[in-house]
C-alpha atoms as a PDB file:
ATOM      1  CA  MET A   1      -1.844 -52.254 -52.370  1.00  0.00           C
ATOM      2  CA  THR A   2      -4.663 -49.772 -51.797  1.00  0.00           C
ATOM      3  CA  ARG A   3      -7.017 -48.727 -54.591  1.00  0.00           C
ATOM      4  CA  PHE A   4      -5.273 -45.329 -54.834  1.00  0.00           C
ATOM      5  CA  GLN A   5      -1.813 -46.878 -54.903  1.00  0.00           C
ATOM      6  CA  GLN A   6      -3.029 -49.135 -57.716  1.00  0.00           C
ATOM      7  CA  MET A   7      -4.358 -46.139 -59.686  1.00  0.00           C
ATOM      8  CA  PHE A   8      -1.036 -44.326 -59.287  1.00  0.00           C
ATOM      9  CA  TYR A   9       0.854 -47.483 -60.277  1.00  0.00           C
ATOM     10  CA  ASP A  10      -1.375 -47.865 -63.354  1.00  0.00           C
ATOM     11  CA  ILE A  11      -0.727 -44.265 -64.446  1.00  0.00           C
ATOM     12  CA  LYS A  12       3.036 -44.638 -63.973  1.00  0.00           C
ATOM     13  CA  THR A  13       3.358 -48.028 -65.687  1.00  0.00           C
ATOM     14  CA  THR A  14       0.991 -47.622 -68.634  1.00  0.00           C
ATOM     15  CA  GLY A  15       3.235 -47.838 -71.665  1.00  0.00           C
ATOM     16  CA  ASP A  16       0.921 -47.360 -74.595  1.00  0.00           C
ATOM     17  CA  TYR A  17      -0.334 -43.802 -74.194  1.00  0.00           C
ATOM     18  CA  ASP A  18      -1.674 -42.032 -77.262  1.00  0.00           C
ATOM     19  CA  VAL A  19       0.256 -38.863 -78.039  1.00  0.00           C
ATOM     20  CA  VAL A  20      -1.444 -35.762 -79.390  1.00  0.00           C
ATOM     21  CA  GLY A  21      -0.592 -32.099 -79.929  1.00  0.00           C
ATOM     22  CA  GLU A  22       2.547 -30.852 -78.226  1.00  0.00           C
ATOM     23  CA  ASP A  23       3.545 -34.318 -76.938  1.00  0.00           C
ATOM     24  CA  ILE A  24       0.536 -34.707 -74.632  1.00  0.00           C
ATOM     25  CA  ASP A  25       0.100 -38.316 -73.467  1.00  0.00           C
ATOM     26  CA  TYR A  26      -3.366 -39.669 -72.676  1.00  0.00           C
ATOM     27  CA  LYS A  27      -5.247 -42.945 -72.717  1.00  0.00           C
ATOM     28  CA  ILE A  28      -8.917 -43.883 -72.789  1.00  0.00           C
ATOM     29  CA  ILE A  29      -9.489 -46.960 -70.658  1.00  0.00           C
ATOM     30  CA  ILE A  30     -12.729 -48.919 -70.861  1.00  0.00           C
ATOM     31  CA  ASP A  31     -13.096 -51.100 -67.780  1.00  0.00           C
ATOM     32  CA  ASP A  32     -16.069 -53.367 -68.442  1.00  0.00           C
ATOM     33  CA  GLU A  33     -15.693 -55.145 -65.101  1.00  0.00           C
ATOM     34  CA  ALA A  34     -15.895 -51.936 -63.021  1.00  0.00           C
ATOM     35  CA  LYS A  35     -18.166 -50.252 -65.602  1.00  0.00           C
ATOM     36  CA  GLU A  36     -15.889 -47.221 -65.883  1.00  0.00           C
ATOM     37  CA  ILE A  37     -14.564 -45.095 -68.721  1.00  0.00           C
ATOM     38  CA  ILE A  38     -11.303 -43.434 -67.702  1.00  0.00           C
ATOM     39  CA  LEU A  39      -9.469 -40.569 -69.363  1.00  0.00           C
ATOM     40  CA  GLN A  40      -5.940 -40.917 -68.029  1.00  0.00           C
ATOM     41  CA  TRP A  41      -3.168 -38.329 -68.443  1.00  0.00           C
ATOM     42  CA  GLN A  42       0.525 -39.134 -68.064  1.00  0.00           C
ATOM     43  CA  GLY A  43       2.931 -36.985 -66.092  1.00  0.00           C
ATOM     44  CA  SER A  44       5.877 -35.127 -67.605  1.00  0.00           C
ATOM     45  CA  ASP A  45       7.903 -37.453 -69.777  1.00  0.00           C
ATOM     46  CA  SER A  46       9.494 -35.137 -72.322  1.00  0.00           C
ATOM     47  CA  ARG A  47      11.249 -31.839 -72.770  1.00  0.00           C
ATOM     48  CA  GLU A  48       8.017 -30.400 -74.234  1.00  0.00           C
ATOM     49  CA  ASP A  49       6.068 -31.320 -71.074  1.00  0.00           C
ATOM     50  CA  TRP A  50       8.673 -29.628 -68.868  1.00  0.00           C
ATOM     51  CA  LYS A  51       8.529 -26.550 -71.082  1.00  0.00           C
ATOM     52  CA  HIS A  52       4.785 -26.379 -70.414  1.00  0.00           C
ATOM     53  CA  ASN A  53       5.360 -26.796 -66.669  1.00  0.00           C
ATOM     54  CA  PHE A  54       7.665 -23.771 -66.573  1.00  0.00           C
ATOM     55  CA  MET A  55       5.460 -21.438 -68.653  1.00  0.00           C
ATOM     56  CA  PHE A  56       3.607 -20.244 -65.566  1.00  0.00           C
ATOM     57  CA  LEU A  57       2.377 -16.779 -66.529  1.00  0.00           C
ATOM     58  CA  PRO A  58      -1.422 -16.364 -66.281  1.00  0.00           C
ATOM     59  CA  TRP A  59      -3.235 -17.227 -69.498  1.00  0.00           C
ATOM     60  CA  PHE A  60      -6.825 -17.515 -70.665  1.00  0.00           C
ATOM     61  CA  LEU A  61      -8.065 -20.791 -72.080  1.00  0.00           C
ATOM     62  CA  ASP A  62     -11.387 -21.102 -73.894  1.00  0.00           C
ATOM     63  CA  LEU A  63     -13.344 -24.209 -72.905  1.00  0.00           C
ATOM     64  CA  ASN A  64     -16.567 -24.410 -74.891  1.00  0.00           C
ATOM     65  CA  GLY A  65     -17.036 -20.657 -74.867  1.00  0.00           C
ATOM     66  CA  LYS A  66     -16.097 -20.243 -71.202  1.00  0.00           C
ATOM     67  CA  LYS A  67     -12.840 -18.473 -70.379  1.00  0.00           C
ATOM     68  CA  VAL A  68     -10.752 -19.935 -67.564  1.00  0.00           C
ATOM     69  CA  ILE A  69      -7.455 -18.646 -66.247  1.00  0.00           C
ATOM     70  CA  THR A  70      -4.650 -21.163 -66.055  1.00  0.00           C
ATOM     71  CA  THR A  71      -0.972 -20.918 -66.935  1.00  0.00           C
ATOM     72  CA  HIS A  72       0.386 -20.244 -70.402  1.00  0.00           C
ATOM     73  CA  GLY A  73       1.998 -23.686 -70.517  1.00  0.00           C
ATOM     74  CA  TYR A  74      -1.047 -25.675 -69.451  1.00  0.00           C
ATOM     75  CA  ALA A  75      -3.320 -23.631 -71.721  1.00  0.00           C
ATOM     76  CA  CYS A  76      -1.028 -24.279 -74.717  1.00  0.00           C
ATOM     77  CA  ALA A  77      -0.704 -27.968 -73.863  1.00  0.00           C
ATOM     78  CA  TYR A  78      -4.449 -28.559 -73.494  1.00  0.00           C
ATOM     79  CA  LYS A  79      -5.304 -26.469 -76.549  1.00  0.00           C
ATOM     80  CA  SER A  80      -2.752 -28.400 -78.631  1.00  0.00           C
ATOM     81  CA  THR A  81      -4.795 -31.578 -78.151  1.00  0.00           C
ATOM     82  CA  GLN A  82      -7.530 -30.006 -80.307  1.00  0.00           C
ATOM     83  CA  ASN A  83     -10.016 -31.691 -77.945  1.00  0.00           C
ATOM     84  CA  LYS A  84      -9.142 -35.166 -79.270  1.00  0.00           C
ATOM     85  CA  PRO A  85      -8.897 -36.830 -75.809  1.00  0.00           C
ATOM     86  CA  MET A  86     -12.171 -35.243 -74.675  1.00  0.00           C
ATOM     87  CA  ILE A  87     -13.972 -36.230 -77.878  1.00  0.00           C
ATOM     88  CA  GLU A  88     -12.766 -39.834 -77.558  1.00  0.00           C
ATOM     89  CA  PHE A  89     -13.802 -39.862 -73.888  1.00  0.00           C
ATOM     90  CA  LEU A  90     -17.304 -38.585 -74.693  1.00  0.00           C
ATOM     91  CA  VAL A  91     -17.710 -41.067 -77.573  1.00  0.00           C
ATOM     92  CA  ALA A  92     -16.674 -43.955 -75.304  1.00  0.00           C
ATOM     93  CA  LEU A  93     -19.162 -42.804 -72.652  1.00  0.00           C
ATOM     94  CA  ALA A  94     -21.933 -42.557 -75.268  1.00  0.00           C
ATOM     95  CA  LYS A  95     -21.211 -46.143 -76.384  1.00  0.00           C
ATOM     96  CA  HIS A  96     -21.239 -47.472 -72.807  1.00  0.00           C
ATOM     97  CA  GLU A  97     -24.360 -46.070 -71.207  1.00  0.00           C
ATOM     98  CA  GLY A  98     -24.360 -46.312 -67.431  1.00  0.00           C
ATOM     99  CA  TYR A  99     -20.579 -46.453 -67.095  1.00  0.00           C
ATOM    100  CA  LYS A 100     -18.897 -44.052 -64.660  1.00  0.00           C
ATOM    101  CA  ALA A 101     -16.939 -41.097 -66.095  1.00  0.00           C
ATOM    102  CA  ILE A 102     -13.501 -40.794 -64.481  1.00  0.00           C
ATOM    103  CA  ILE A 103     -10.533 -38.564 -65.259  1.00  0.00           C
ATOM    104  CA  ARG A 104      -7.153 -39.030 -63.584  1.00  0.00           C
ATOM    105  CA  GLY A 105      -3.549 -37.983 -63.976  1.00  0.00           C
ATOM    106  CA  HIS A 106      -0.163 -37.560 -62.356  1.00  0.00           C
ATOM    107  CA  SER A 107       1.878 -34.339 -62.045  1.00  0.00           C
ATOM    108  CA  PHE A 108       1.649 -32.596 -65.444  1.00  0.00           C
ATOM    109  CA  GLY A 109      -1.261 -34.984 -66.037  1.00  0.00           C
ATOM    110  CA  SER A 110      -2.973 -33.604 -62.932  1.00  0.00           C
ATOM    111  CA  ALA A 111      -3.149 -30.185 -64.616  1.00  0.00           C
ATOM    112  CA  MET A 112      -4.607 -31.803 -67.738  1.00  0.00           C
ATOM    113  CA  THR A 113      -7.043 -33.694 -65.469  1.00  0.00           C
ATOM    114  CA  LYS A 114      -8.279 -30.495 -63.818  1.00  0.00           C
ATOM    115  CA  ILE A 115      -8.715 -28.710 -67.142  1.00  0.00           C
ATOM    116  CA  ALA A 116     -10.403 -31.740 -68.736  1.00  0.00           C
ATOM    117  CA  THR A 117     -12.744 -32.051 -65.728  1.00  0.00           C
ATOM    118  CA  ARG A 118     -13.842 -28.459 -66.136  1.00  0.00           C
ATOM    119  CA  HIS A 119     -14.163 -28.970 -69.920  1.00  0.00           C
ATOM    120  CA  TYR A 120     -16.297 -32.088 -69.379  1.00  0.00           C
ATOM    121  CA  TYR A 121     -18.629 -30.141 -67.118  1.00  0.00           C
ATOM    122  CA  TYR A 122     -18.966 -27.265 -69.598  1.00  0.00           C
ATOM    123  CA  ILE A 123     -19.854 -29.720 -72.377  1.00  0.00           C
ATOM    124  CA  THR A 124     -22.180 -32.086 -70.500  1.00  0.00           C
ATOM    125  CA  LYS A 125     -23.454 -29.861 -67.663  1.00  0.00           C
ATOM    126  CA  LYS A 126     -22.895 -32.900 -65.412  1.00  0.00           C
ATOM    127  CA  PRO A 127     -20.170 -33.496 -62.831  1.00  0.00           C
ATOM    128  CA  LEU A 128     -17.780 -36.400 -63.276  1.00  0.00           C
ATOM    129  CA  ASP A 129     -18.255 -39.523 -61.236  1.00  0.00           C
ATOM    130  CA  ALA A 130     -14.648 -39.187 -60.031  1.00  0.00           C
ATOM    131  CA  GLU A 131     -11.487 -37.144 -60.556  1.00  0.00           C
ATOM    132  CA  TYR A 132      -8.106 -38.269 -59.186  1.00  0.00           C
ATOM    133  CA  THR A 133      -4.850 -36.344 -59.230  1.00  0.00           C
ATOM    134  CA  PHE A 134      -1.486 -37.508 -57.967  1.00  0.00           C
ATOM    135  CA  GLY A 135       1.536 -35.237 -57.528  1.00  0.00           C
ATOM    136  CA  ASP A 136      -0.971 -32.433 -57.875  1.00  0.00           C
ATOM    137  CA  VAL A 137       0.041 -29.180 -59.555  1.00  0.00           C
ATOM    138  CA  LYS A 138      -1.731 -25.861 -59.220  1.00  0.00           C
ATOM    139  CA  CYS A 139      -3.205 -24.891 -62.559  1.00  0.00           C
ATOM    140  CA  TRP A 140      -5.866 -22.366 -61.512  1.00  0.00           C
ATOM    141  CA  LEU A 141      -4.706 -18.857 -60.738  1.00  0.00           C
ATOM    142  CA  ASN A 142      -7.968 -17.594 -59.272  1.00  0.00           C
ATOM    143  CA  PRO A 143      -9.446 -19.610 -56.380  1.00  0.00           C
ATOM    144  CA  PHE A 144     -12.955 -18.445 -57.300  1.00  0.00           C
ATOM    145  CA  LEU A 145     -12.640 -20.168 -60.707  1.00  0.00           C
ATOM    146  CA  CYS A 146     -12.146 -23.585 -59.103  1.00  0.00           C
ATOM    147  CA  SER A 147     -15.791 -24.323 -58.345  1.00  0.00           C
ATOM    148  CA  ARG A 148     -17.721 -26.366 -60.880  1.00  0.00           C
ATOM    149  CA  LYS A 149     -20.820 -24.204 -60.572  1.00  0.00           C
END
């Protein structure tokens, strides 16, 4: 199994996700062997997730004072977390100096990954060490908003 197949397998088979907001599933993984802190988002697993997927009208989302345009569903989903996954991710990184910061997700989780990656950058002013999306969805409605600059 390749490294990427293993990551996808891990996302799909993790069974103990934390649930926050409007049924948003995430997990903070601390890998001491690889020296990585991972914020992992699960794909659609509920009616609420599918509702978010189909709410595709353009919508503004405020990320640390910066407005980004995503879809209504993804904006509502991410906002419903009240930043809890991001706060936990940042706390874990602060406790494990020198560890890599990684965010990954599948399908619906790929949208949360993209938004969280942008949010991380706006908070820390640093790029992530890695971002992985599987079954990628398009969550940005303006191609010029996709750069991390």
